[in-house]
Amino acid sequence: FYVMEMVDGRIFWDAAFGEVPIADRAAYYDEMNRVIAALHSVDYGTVGLGDFGRPGNYFARQIGRWSKQYLEDELAGRNPDMDALVEWLPTAIPAGDETTIVHGDFRCDNMIFHPTEPRVLAVLDWELSTLGNPLADFAYHAMMYRMPGDIVAGLGGQDPVRLGLPTEHDYIASYCARTGRDEIADWDFYIAFNFFRLAAIFHGIKGRAMRGTASNAQAKERAAAFPRLAALARNAMKKCK
């Protein structure tokens, strides 16, 4: 790994921001929203990142990549939800295409916040960053609204309003306002794609754990979470029909 700079601040592992007074939590969400919108507004050519990835056709390439990884790992086994997604996703890619810098793992626990203020000082863990579709990147981030908190940082099953947080609908609307969109059509496709992508990653971890080559201390827990992620992906798929 690379230590680029020492940044003094806080990392929140809980997407509900339980350490923050309830009246202040919405400001932290608004700041995350601002940062990801700002990232997607960067002109990657102007800043010298024109060769950071392959522009265009992002979903087809990603679906093909993760489907191949899932299908080829025979030791980790097959899953009916994943099989259905492998078949359906390539047929459901929304029309149109955009390319921006995408982070790939934009979550609250991958940010360093100011020691006392709702202000992001640094974004961490850029290993999945590339040129890609901003709606895929934003949907991965907003997936926290549906993600069970015991898998990765998420609010799944909780009422955001009672927690002092914006609803999923309002959070999407804020991003749209910042990026000049009226709406995000086909939202459930983007959610299904991202749960599928994460499930494929966890399926790979499962295979490595079974082979005894997994380096992550949480490998067994992530392997056990794989079918739950696949089911969440398929549930989002069903909403698209």
C-alpha atoms as a PDB file:
ATOM      1  CA  PHE A   1       0.000   0.000   0.000  1.00  0.00           C
ATOM      2  CA  TYR A   2       1.009   3.622  -0.325  1.00  0.00           C
ATOM      3  CA  VAL A   3       0.906   6.202   2.460  1.00  0.00           C
ATOM      4  CA  MET A   4       0.500   9.396   0.477  1.00  0.00           C
ATOM      5  CA  GLU A   5      -0.016  11.849   3.336  1.00  0.00           C
ATOM      6  CA  MET A   6      -0.818  11.801   7.049  1.00  0.00           C
ATOM      7  CA  VAL A   7      -4.395  13.023   7.494  1.00  0.00           C
ATOM      8  CA  ASP A   8      -5.689  13.594  11.016  1.00  0.00           C
ATOM      9  CA  GLY A   9      -9.400  12.823  11.214  1.00  0.00           C
ATOM     10  CA  ARG A  10     -12.133  10.266  11.809  1.00  0.00           C
ATOM     11  CA  ILE A  11     -13.266   7.144   9.984  1.00  0.00           C
ATOM     12  CA  PHE A  12     -16.841   5.985  10.496  1.00  0.00           C
ATOM     13  CA  TRP A  13     -17.412   2.250  10.169  1.00  0.00           C
ATOM     14  CA  ASP A  14     -21.136   2.618  10.837  1.00  0.00           C
ATOM     15  CA  ALA A  15     -23.193   3.999   7.922  1.00  0.00           C
ATOM     16  CA  ALA A  16     -25.707   5.333  10.445  1.00  0.00           C
ATOM     17  CA  PHE A  17     -22.991   7.643  11.857  1.00  0.00           C
ATOM     18  CA  GLY A  18     -24.044   6.616  15.355  1.00  0.00           C
ATOM     19  CA  GLU A  19     -21.080   8.440  16.905  1.00  0.00           C
ATOM     20  CA  VAL A  20     -22.457  11.756  15.616  1.00  0.00           C
ATOM     21  CA  PRO A  21     -25.351  13.637  17.308  1.00  0.00           C
ATOM     22  CA  ILE A  22     -28.554  12.849  15.415  1.00  0.00           C
ATOM     23  CA  ALA A  23     -29.106  16.506  14.465  1.00  0.00           C
ATOM     24  CA  ASP A  24     -25.728  16.578  12.674  1.00  0.00           C
ATOM     25  CA  ARG A  25     -25.843  13.306  10.737  1.00  0.00           C
ATOM     26  CA  ALA A  26     -27.564  14.618   7.618  1.00  0.00           C
ATOM     27  CA  ALA A  27     -24.658  17.032   7.102  1.00  0.00           C
ATOM     28  CA  TYR A  28     -22.236  14.101   6.902  1.00  0.00           C
ATOM     29  CA  TYR A  29     -24.374  12.436   4.257  1.00  0.00           C
ATOM     30  CA  ASP A  30     -24.598  15.668   2.305  1.00  0.00           C
ATOM     31  CA  GLU A  31     -20.816  15.928   2.399  1.00  0.00           C
ATOM     32  CA  MET A  32     -20.361  12.390   1.041  1.00  0.00           C
ATOM     33  CA  ASN A  33     -22.853  13.252  -1.681  1.00  0.00           C
ATOM     34  CA  ARG A  34     -20.942  16.423  -2.533  1.00  0.00           C
ATOM     35  CA  VAL A  35     -17.617  14.591  -2.775  1.00  0.00           C
ATOM     36  CA  ILE A  36     -18.777  11.823  -5.087  1.00  0.00           C
ATOM     37  CA  ALA A  37     -20.577  14.350  -7.302  1.00  0.00           C
ATOM     38  CA  ALA A  38     -17.371  16.423  -7.436  1.00  0.00           C
ATOM     39  CA  LEU A  39     -15.337  13.337  -8.393  1.00  0.00           C
ATOM     40  CA  HIS A  40     -17.724  12.559 -11.232  1.00  0.00           C
ATOM     41  CA  SER A  41     -17.481  16.157 -12.448  1.00  0.00           C
ATOM     42  CA  VAL A  42     -13.708  16.031 -12.976  1.00  0.00           C
ATOM     43  CA  ASP A  43     -12.662  16.217 -16.637  1.00  0.00           C
ATOM     44  CA  TYR A  44     -10.384  13.177 -16.689  1.00  0.00           C
ATOM     45  CA  GLY A  45      -8.727  14.233 -19.940  1.00  0.00           C
ATOM     46  CA  THR A  46      -7.819  17.666 -18.631  1.00  0.00           C
ATOM     47  CA  VAL A  47      -6.197  16.247 -15.475  1.00  0.00           C
ATOM     48  CA  GLY A  48      -4.102  13.765 -17.460  1.00  0.00           C
ATOM     49  CA  LEU A  49      -6.109  10.588 -16.817  1.00  0.00           C
ATOM     50  CA  GLY A  50      -7.208   9.868 -20.361  1.00  0.00           C
ATOM     51  CA  ASP A  51      -5.452   6.505 -20.196  1.00  0.00           C
ATOM     52  CA  PHE A  52      -6.720   5.605 -16.699  1.00  0.00           C
ATOM     53  CA  GLY A  53      -9.177   3.113 -18.190  1.00  0.00           C
ATOM     54  CA  ARG A  54     -11.174   2.261 -21.297  1.00  0.00           C
ATOM     55  CA  PRO A  55     -13.937   4.806 -21.966  1.00  0.00           C
ATOM     56  CA  GLY A  56     -17.349   3.412 -22.883  1.00  0.00           C
ATOM     57  CA  ASN A  57     -19.075   0.040 -22.733  1.00  0.00           C
ATOM     58  CA  TYR A  58     -18.438  -0.122 -18.992  1.00  0.00           C
ATOM     59  CA  PHE A  59     -21.357  -2.331 -17.972  1.00  0.00           C
ATOM     60  CA  ALA A  60     -20.831  -4.943 -20.674  1.00  0.00           C
ATOM     61  CA  ARG A  61     -17.159  -5.237 -19.781  1.00  0.00           C
ATOM     62  CA  GLN A  62     -17.788  -5.386 -16.027  1.00  0.00           C
ATOM     63  CA  ILE A  63     -20.633  -7.881 -16.301  1.00  0.00           C
ATOM     64  CA  GLY A  64     -18.492 -10.064 -18.546  1.00  0.00           C
ATOM     65  CA  ARG A  65     -15.519  -9.865 -16.206  1.00  0.00           C
ATOM     66  CA  TRP A  66     -17.366 -10.736 -12.999  1.00  0.00           C
ATOM     67  CA  SER A  67     -19.536 -13.376 -14.684  1.00  0.00           C
ATOM     68  CA  LYS A  68     -16.400 -15.087 -15.960  1.00  0.00           C
ATOM     69  CA  GLN A  69     -14.792 -15.014 -12.532  1.00  0.00           C
ATOM     70  CA  TYR A  70     -17.923 -16.445 -10.914  1.00  0.00           C
ATOM     71  CA  LEU A  71     -18.428 -19.190 -13.500  1.00  0.00           C
ATOM     72  CA  GLU A  72     -14.806 -20.302 -13.553  1.00  0.00           C
ATOM     73  CA  ASP A  73     -14.446 -20.739  -9.787  1.00  0.00           C
ATOM     74  CA  GLU A  74     -15.940 -24.215  -9.619  1.00  0.00           C
ATOM     75  CA  LEU A  75     -14.702 -24.899  -6.090  1.00  0.00           C
ATOM     76  CA  ALA A  76     -16.758 -22.018  -4.669  1.00  0.00           C
ATOM     77  CA  GLY A  77     -19.873 -23.514  -6.300  1.00  0.00           C
ATOM     78  CA  ARG A  78     -22.857 -22.141  -8.176  1.00  0.00           C
ATOM     79  CA  ASN A  79     -25.774 -20.134  -6.854  1.00  0.00           C
ATOM     80  CA  PRO A  80     -29.218 -19.898  -8.537  1.00  0.00           C
ATOM     81  CA  ASP A  81     -29.504 -16.151  -7.922  1.00  0.00           C
ATOM     82  CA  MET A  82     -26.111 -15.532  -9.500  1.00  0.00           C
ATOM     83  CA  ASP A  83     -26.929 -17.805 -12.418  1.00  0.00           C
ATOM     84  CA  ALA A  84     -30.093 -15.775 -13.080  1.00  0.00           C
ATOM     85  CA  LEU A  85     -28.152 -12.511 -12.905  1.00  0.00           C
ATOM     86  CA  VAL A  86     -25.415 -13.731 -15.244  1.00  0.00           C
ATOM     87  CA  GLU A  87     -28.119 -14.430 -17.815  1.00  0.00           C
ATOM     88  CA  TRP A  88     -30.210 -11.288 -17.251  1.00  0.00           C
ATOM     89  CA  LEU A  89     -27.757  -8.443 -16.703  1.00  0.00           C
ATOM     90  CA  PRO A  90     -26.294  -8.321 -20.253  1.00  0.00           C
ATOM     91  CA  THR A  91     -29.820  -8.018 -21.662  1.00  0.00           C
ATOM     92  CA  ALA A  92     -30.858  -5.156 -19.373  1.00  0.00           C
ATOM     93  CA  ILE A  93     -28.050  -2.596 -19.748  1.00  0.00           C
ATOM     94  CA  PRO A  94     -29.688   0.852 -20.010  1.00  0.00           C
ATOM     95  CA  ALA A  95     -29.308   2.849 -23.196  1.00  0.00           C
ATOM     96  CA  GLY A  96     -26.782   5.642 -23.294  1.00  0.00           C
ATOM     97  CA  ASP A  97     -23.287   5.804 -21.869  1.00  0.00           C
ATOM     98  CA  GLU A  98     -21.138   8.134 -19.772  1.00  0.00           C
ATOM     99  CA  THR A  99     -17.522   8.046 -18.710  1.00  0.00           C
ATOM    100  CA  THR A 100     -15.938   9.693 -15.674  1.00  0.00           C
ATOM    101  CA  ILE A 101     -13.383   8.815 -13.058  1.00  0.00           C
ATOM    102  CA  VAL A 102     -15.008   6.247 -10.761  1.00  0.00           C
ATOM    103  CA  HIS A 103     -13.745   5.271  -7.337  1.00  0.00           C
ATOM    104  CA  GLY A 104     -15.178   1.754  -7.286  1.00  0.00           C
ATOM    105  CA  ASP A 105     -15.529   1.402  -3.498  1.00  0.00           C
ATOM    106  CA  PHE A 106     -16.947   4.723  -2.316  1.00  0.00           C
ATOM    107  CA  ARG A 107     -18.193   4.060   1.234  1.00  0.00           C
ATOM    108  CA  CYS A 108     -18.199   6.032   4.469  1.00  0.00           C
ATOM    109  CA  ASP A 109     -15.441   3.823   5.907  1.00  0.00           C
ATOM    110  CA  ASN A 110     -13.196   4.706   2.976  1.00  0.00           C
ATOM    111  CA  MET A 111     -13.171   8.387   3.882  1.00  0.00           C
ATOM    112  CA  ILE A 112     -11.380  10.432   6.502  1.00  0.00           C
ATOM    113  CA  PHE A 113     -13.582  13.142   7.988  1.00  0.00           C
ATOM    114  CA  HIS A 114     -12.423  16.290   9.758  1.00  0.00           C
ATOM    115  CA  PRO A 115     -11.853  15.723  13.511  1.00  0.00           C
ATOM    116  CA  THR A 116     -14.906  17.799  14.454  1.00  0.00           C
ATOM    117  CA  GLU A 117     -16.676  18.928  11.272  1.00  0.00           C
ATOM    118  CA  PRO A 118     -18.821  17.164   8.634  1.00  0.00           C
ATOM    119  CA  ARG A 119     -16.082  17.594   6.057  1.00  0.00           C
ATOM    120  CA  VAL A 120     -14.255  14.932   4.046  1.00  0.00           C
ATOM    121  CA  LEU A 121     -10.476  15.446   4.148  1.00  0.00           C
ATOM    122  CA  ALA A 122      -9.423  12.348   2.206  1.00  0.00           C
ATOM    123  CA  VAL A 123     -10.858   9.461   0.218  1.00  0.00           C
ATOM    124  CA  LEU A 124      -9.089   6.130   0.674  1.00  0.00           C
ATOM    125  CA  ASP A 125      -8.812   2.758  -1.080  1.00  0.00           C
ATOM    126  CA  TRP A 126      -8.546   3.640  -4.774  1.00  0.00           C
ATOM    127  CA  GLU A 127      -7.499   0.179  -5.933  1.00  0.00           C
ATOM    128  CA  LEU A 128     -10.719  -0.318  -7.959  1.00  0.00           C
ATOM    129  CA  SER A 129     -10.684   3.169  -9.487  1.00  0.00           C
ATOM    130  CA  THR A 130     -10.770   3.526 -13.249  1.00  0.00           C
ATOM    131  CA  LEU A 131     -12.681   5.283 -16.005  1.00  0.00           C
ATOM    132  CA  GLY A 132     -16.259   4.063 -15.891  1.00  0.00           C
ATOM    133  CA  ASN A 133     -19.911   4.925 -15.634  1.00  0.00           C
ATOM    134  CA  PRO A 134     -20.666   7.410 -12.831  1.00  0.00           C
ATOM    135  CA  LEU A 135     -24.139   5.958 -12.248  1.00  0.00           C
ATOM    136  CA  ALA A 136     -22.589   2.595 -11.435  1.00  0.00           C
ATOM    137  CA  ASP A 137     -20.227   4.289  -8.992  1.00  0.00           C
ATOM    138  CA  PHE A 138     -22.940   6.362  -7.331  1.00  0.00           C
ATOM    139  CA  ALA A 139     -25.317   3.393  -7.086  1.00  0.00           C
ATOM    140  CA  TYR A 140     -22.590   1.360  -5.376  1.00  0.00           C
ATOM    141  CA  HIS A 141     -22.267   4.164  -2.829  1.00  0.00           C
ATOM    142  CA  ALA A 142     -26.049   4.564  -2.396  1.00  0.00           C
ATOM    143  CA  MET A 143     -26.364   0.793  -2.032  1.00  0.00           C
ATOM    144  CA  MET A 144     -25.643   1.494   1.664  1.00  0.00           C
ATOM    145  CA  TYR A 145     -29.385   2.111   2.044  1.00  0.00           C
ATOM    146  CA  ARG A 146     -30.047  -1.575   1.273  1.00  0.00           C
ATOM    147  CA  MET A 147     -26.841  -3.158   2.551  1.00  0.00           C
ATOM    148  CA  PRO A 148     -27.049  -5.133   5.822  1.00  0.00           C
ATOM    149  CA  GLY A 149     -24.713  -3.486   8.306  1.00  0.00           C
ATOM    150  CA  ASP A 150     -23.079  -6.781   9.271  1.00  0.00           C
ATOM    151  CA  ILE A 151     -21.711  -7.290   5.738  1.00  0.00           C
ATOM    152  CA  VAL A 152     -20.207  -3.865   5.031  1.00  0.00           C
ATOM    153  CA  ALA A 153     -21.217  -0.401   6.222  1.00  0.00           C
ATOM    154  CA  GLY A 154     -24.940  -0.167   5.497  1.00  0.00           C
ATOM    155  CA  LEU A 155     -28.388   0.832   6.715  1.00  0.00           C
ATOM    156  CA  GLY A 156     -30.317  -2.212   5.477  1.00  0.00           C
ATOM    157  CA  GLY A 157     -33.501  -2.738   7.497  1.00  0.00           C
ATOM    158  CA  GLN A 158     -33.252   0.613   9.301  1.00  0.00           C
ATOM    159  CA  ASP A 159     -35.384   3.727   8.880  1.00  0.00           C
ATOM    160  CA  PRO A 160     -33.033   6.532   7.787  1.00  0.00           C
ATOM    161  CA  VAL A 161     -35.455   9.256   8.874  1.00  0.00           C
ATOM    162  CA  ARG A 162     -35.463   7.978  12.458  1.00  0.00           C
ATOM    163  CA  LEU A 163     -31.672   8.027  12.322  1.00  0.00           C
ATOM    164  CA  GLY A 164     -31.630  11.667  11.200  1.00  0.00           C
ATOM    165  CA  LEU A 165     -30.525  10.766   7.672  1.00  0.00           C
ATOM    166  CA  PRO A 166     -31.951  11.579   4.230  1.00  0.00           C
ATOM    167  CA  THR A 167     -34.040   8.914   2.526  1.00  0.00           C
ATOM    168  CA  GLU A 168     -32.629   7.023  -0.442  1.00  0.00           C
ATOM    169  CA  HIS A 169     -34.920   9.036  -2.733  1.00  0.00           C
ATOM    170  CA  ASP A 170     -33.699  12.349  -1.324  1.00  0.00           C
ATOM    171  CA  TYR A 171     -30.064  11.261  -1.460  1.00  0.00           C
ATOM    172  CA  ILE A 172     -30.429  10.401  -5.147  1.00  0.00           C
ATOM    173  CA  ALA A 173     -32.141  13.743  -5.753  1.00  0.00           C
ATOM    174  CA  SER A 174     -29.210  15.609  -4.162  1.00  0.00           C
ATOM    175  CA  TYR A 175     -26.739  13.840  -6.422  1.00  0.00           C
ATOM    176  CA  CYS A 176     -28.897  14.587  -9.459  1.00  0.00           C
ATOM    177  CA  ALA A 177     -29.044  18.265  -8.543  1.00  0.00           C
ATOM    178  CA  ARG A 178     -25.268  18.395  -8.186  1.00  0.00           C
ATOM    179  CA  THR A 179     -24.614  16.618 -11.477  1.00  0.00           C
ATOM    180  CA  GLY A 180     -27.286  18.320 -13.581  1.00  0.00           C
ATOM    181  CA  ARG A 181     -29.694  15.388 -13.929  1.00  0.00           C
ATOM    182  CA  ASP A 182     -33.455  15.338 -13.730  1.00  0.00           C
ATOM    183  CA  GLU A 183     -33.484  11.748 -12.446  1.00  0.00           C
ATOM    184  CA  ILE A 184     -31.708   8.410 -12.656  1.00  0.00           C
ATOM    185  CA  ALA A 185     -33.795   6.046 -14.749  1.00  0.00           C
ATOM    186  CA  ASP A 186     -33.310   2.282 -14.354  1.00  0.00           C
ATOM    187  CA  TRP A 187     -32.117   2.767 -10.771  1.00  0.00           C
ATOM    188  CA  ASP A 188     -32.812  -0.831  -9.762  1.00  0.00           C
ATOM    189  CA  PHE A 189     -30.613  -2.092 -12.612  1.00  0.00           C
ATOM    190  CA  TYR A 190     -27.681  -0.155 -11.169  1.00  0.00           C
ATOM    191  CA  ILE A 191     -28.393  -1.557  -7.710  1.00  0.00           C
ATOM    192  CA  ALA A 192     -28.719  -5.112  -9.073  1.00  0.00           C
ATOM    193  CA  PHE A 193     -25.448  -4.717 -10.971  1.00  0.00           C
ATOM    194  CA  ASN A 194     -23.582  -3.529  -7.893  1.00  0.00           C
ATOM    195  CA  PHE A 195     -24.894  -6.220  -5.568  1.00  0.00           C
ATOM    196  CA  PHE A 196     -23.968  -8.744  -8.279  1.00  0.00           C
ATOM    197  CA  ARG A 197     -20.471  -7.281  -8.604  1.00  0.00           C
ATOM    198  CA  LEU A 198     -19.915  -7.373  -4.841  1.00  0.00           C
ATOM    199  CA  ALA A 199     -21.355 -10.883  -4.647  1.00  0.00           C
ATOM    200  CA  ALA A 200     -18.893 -11.996  -7.333  1.00  0.00           C
ATOM    201  CA  ILE A 201     -16.039 -10.504  -5.311  1.00  0.00           C
ATOM    202  CA  PHE A 202     -17.223 -12.339  -2.182  1.00  0.00           C
ATOM    203  CA  HIS A 203     -17.624 -15.529  -4.235  1.00  0.00           C
ATOM    204  CA  GLY A 204     -13.949 -15.198  -5.176  1.00  0.00           C
ATOM    205  CA  ILE A 205     -13.075 -14.750  -1.500  1.00  0.00           C
ATOM    206  CA  LYS A 206     -15.067 -17.899  -0.747  1.00  0.00           C
ATOM    207  CA  GLY A 207     -13.024 -19.825  -3.296  1.00  0.00           C
ATOM    208  CA  ARG A 208      -9.741 -18.559  -1.862  1.00  0.00           C
ATOM    209  CA  ALA A 209     -10.883 -19.393   1.680  1.00  0.00           C
ATOM    210  CA  MET A 210     -11.691 -22.944   0.588  1.00  0.00           C
ATOM    211  CA  ARG A 211      -8.248 -23.225  -1.009  1.00  0.00           C
ATOM    212  CA  GLY A 212      -6.572 -21.798   2.086  1.00  0.00           C
ATOM    213  CA  THR A 213      -5.115 -18.868   0.148  1.00  0.00           C
ATOM    214  CA  ALA A 214      -7.313 -16.035   1.477  1.00  0.00           C
ATOM    215  CA  SER A 215      -5.238 -13.351   3.206  1.00  0.00           C
ATOM    216  CA  ASN A 216      -8.163 -11.362   4.607  1.00  0.00           C
ATOM    217  CA  ALA A 217      -8.921 -12.057   8.268  1.00  0.00           C
ATOM    218  CA  GLN A 218     -12.629 -11.658   7.467  1.00  0.00           C
ATOM    219  CA  ALA A 219     -12.572 -14.152   4.595  1.00  0.00           C
ATOM    220  CA  LYS A 220     -14.849 -16.705   6.245  1.00  0.00           C
ATOM    221  CA  GLU A 221     -17.441 -14.074   7.174  1.00  0.00           C
ATOM    222  CA  ARG A 222     -17.425 -12.650   3.656  1.00  0.00           C
ATOM    223  CA  ALA A 223     -17.702 -16.091   2.131  1.00  0.00           C
ATOM    224  CA  ALA A 224     -20.751 -16.740   4.314  1.00  0.00           C
ATOM    225  CA  ALA A 225     -22.305 -13.421   3.195  1.00  0.00           C
ATOM    226  CA  PHE A 226     -22.017 -14.268  -0.507  1.00  0.00           C
ATOM    227  CA  PRO A 227     -25.493 -15.862  -0.942  1.00  0.00           C
ATOM    228  CA  ARG A 228     -27.149 -12.940   0.867  1.00  0.00           C
ATOM    229  CA  LEU A 229     -25.576 -10.472  -1.560  1.00  0.00           C
ATOM    230  CA  ALA A 230     -26.643 -12.601  -4.514  1.00  0.00           C
ATOM    231  CA  ALA A 231     -30.214 -12.643  -3.169  1.00  0.00           C
ATOM    232  CA  LEU A 232     -30.207  -8.850  -2.744  1.00  0.00           C
ATOM    233  CA  ALA A 233     -28.998  -8.488  -6.340  1.00  0.00           C
ATOM    234  CA  ARG A 234     -31.773 -10.731  -7.619  1.00  0.00           C
ATOM    235  CA  ASN A 235     -34.390  -8.865  -5.568  1.00  0.00           C
ATOM    236  CA  ALA A 236     -33.324  -5.638  -7.278  1.00  0.00           C
ATOM    237  CA  MET A 237     -33.428  -7.447 -10.623  1.00  0.00           C
ATOM    238  CA  LYS A 238     -37.038  -8.461 -10.013  1.00  0.00           C
ATOM    239  CA  LYS A 239     -38.000  -4.821  -9.449  1.00  0.00           C
ATOM    240  CA  CYS A 240     -36.787  -4.028 -12.956  1.00  0.00           C
ATOM    241  CA  LYS A 241     -39.351  -6.297 -14.563  1.00  0.00           C
END
